Amino acid sequence: MAKPTPGPWFMGSTQRADSVDIGADDNSNVALVYTMEGDVEDAATGRANARLIRAAPDLLEALECLVHRCDAEGVGIAWAPLTAGRAAIKKATGGE
């Protein structure tokens, strides 16, 4: 299974006023998020989506560390947030 582009990811500008580019340190393009600049509310939502996408590698790494630590310590095996964390990791890594 293919692995995602390693982080960190950053938000950059595009030549279009209605989009934000998400890129990686290796100069690869990760995503292009449309912000619909014609509508202030849609533009803010588009930028918020871009920030969330940009944070994805960091969020996944932090969640994997947390779940690993809880598993190693035997903490909360059936704890709902830990179960949700495991499901999110599977979703992000294609194990869904």
Protein backbone atom coordinates (compact mmCIF):
# COMPACT_ATOMS: atom_id res chain seq x y z
CA MET A 1 0.00 0.00 0.00
CA ALA A 2 1.27 3.45 -0.87
CA LYS A 3 2.32 5.76 1.95
CA PRO A 4 1.27 9.42 2.04
CA THR A 5 3.69 12.23 1.35
CA PRO A 6 5.75 12.78 4.52
CA GLY A 7 5.08 15.92 6.50
CA PRO A 8 5.40 18.62 7.41
CA TRP A 9 2.96 20.08 4.94
CA PHE A 10 2.48 23.79 4.36
CA MET A 11 -0.10 26.12 2.86
CA GLY A 12 1.03 28.07 -0.14
CA SER A 13 -0.57 30.37 -2.61
CA THR A 14 -1.63 29.57 -6.14
CA GLN A 15 -2.06 31.75 -9.17
CA ARG A 16 -5.80 31.51 -8.55
CA ALA A 17 -7.52 33.72 -6.00
CA ASP A 18 -10.01 30.99 -5.13
CA SER A 19 -7.66 28.24 -3.96
CA VAL A 20 -4.92 27.32 -1.49
CA ASP A 21 -2.13 24.88 -2.32
CA ILE A 22 -0.99 22.31 0.24
CA GLY A 23 2.59 21.25 -0.39
CA ALA A 24 5.40 19.28 1.23
CA ASP A 25 9.04 19.98 1.96
CA ASP A 26 10.07 17.93 -1.08
CA ASN A 27 8.21 20.46 -3.28
CA SER A 28 5.46 17.98 -4.10
CA ASN A 29 1.85 19.09 -4.30
CA VAL A 30 -0.39 17.36 -1.79
CA ALA A 31 -3.75 19.06 -2.36
CA LEU A 32 -5.45 22.03 -3.92
CA VAL A 33 -8.28 23.38 -1.77
CA TYR A 34 -10.84 25.67 -3.36
CA THR A 35 -11.84 28.54 -1.11
CA MET A 36 -14.58 30.13 -3.24
CA GLU A 37 -13.30 33.66 -2.66
CA GLY A 38 -16.56 35.15 -4.02
CA ASP A 39 -18.35 34.26 -0.80
CA VAL A 40 -16.76 35.33 2.50
CA GLU A 41 -18.25 32.44 4.52
CA ASP A 42 -17.27 29.81 1.93
CA ALA A 43 -13.77 31.32 1.69
CA ALA A 44 -13.32 31.04 5.46
CA THR A 45 -14.52 27.43 5.38
CA GLY A 46 -12.15 26.66 2.52
CA ARG A 47 -9.19 28.11 4.42
CA ALA A 48 -10.22 26.16 7.55
CA ASN A 49 -10.30 22.96 5.46
CA ALA A 50 -6.84 23.77 4.10
CA ARG A 51 -5.48 24.23 7.64
CA LEU A 52 -6.91 20.86 8.69
CA ILE A 53 -5.39 19.12 5.66
CA ARG A 54 -2.05 20.83 6.35
CA ALA A 55 -2.08 19.48 9.92
CA ALA A 56 -2.96 15.89 8.91
CA PRO A 57 0.57 14.39 9.10
CA ASP A 58 1.17 15.94 12.53
CA LEU A 59 -2.23 14.85 13.82
CA LEU A 60 -1.70 11.28 12.62
CA GLU A 61 1.76 11.06 14.16
CA ALA A 62 0.53 12.41 17.50
CA LEU A 63 -2.43 10.04 17.56
CA GLU A 64 -0.26 7.04 16.67
CA CYS A 65 2.12 7.92 19.54
CA LEU A 66 -0.76 8.33 21.99
CA VAL A 67 -2.42 5.04 21.02
CA HIS A 68 0.92 3.19 21.12
CA ARG A 69 1.66 4.57 24.59
CA CYS A 70 -1.79 3.68 25.90
CA ASP A 71 -1.48 0.17 24.46
CA ALA A 72 1.99 -0.27 25.99
CA GLU A 73 0.72 0.87 29.38
CA GLY A 74 -2.48 -1.20 29.15
CA VAL A 75 -4.55 1.94 29.57
CA GLY A 76 -8.12 2.15 28.34
CA ILE A 77 -8.20 -0.86 26.03
CA ALA A 78 -11.95 -0.41 25.50
CA TRP A 79 -12.02 3.31 26.26
CA ALA A 80 -14.21 4.97 23.61
CA PRO A 81 -11.76 7.78 22.68
CA LEU A 82 -8.95 5.23 22.25
CA THR A 83 -11.20 3.05 20.10
CA ALA A 84 -12.06 6.11 18.02
CA GLY A 85 -8.34 6.93 17.74
CA ARG A 86 -7.57 3.45 16.43
CA ALA A 87 -10.39 3.76 13.88
CA ALA A 88 -9.09 7.16 12.73
CA ILE A 89 -5.59 5.73 12.26
CA LYS A 90 -7.01 2.89 10.17
CA LYS A 91 -9.00 5.37 8.09
CA ALA A 92 -5.94 7.55 7.51
CA THR A 93 -3.63 4.66 6.65
CA GLY A 94 -6.01 2.73 4.40
CA GLY A 95 -6.67 -0.07 6.86
CA GLU A 96 -10.39 0.74 6.97
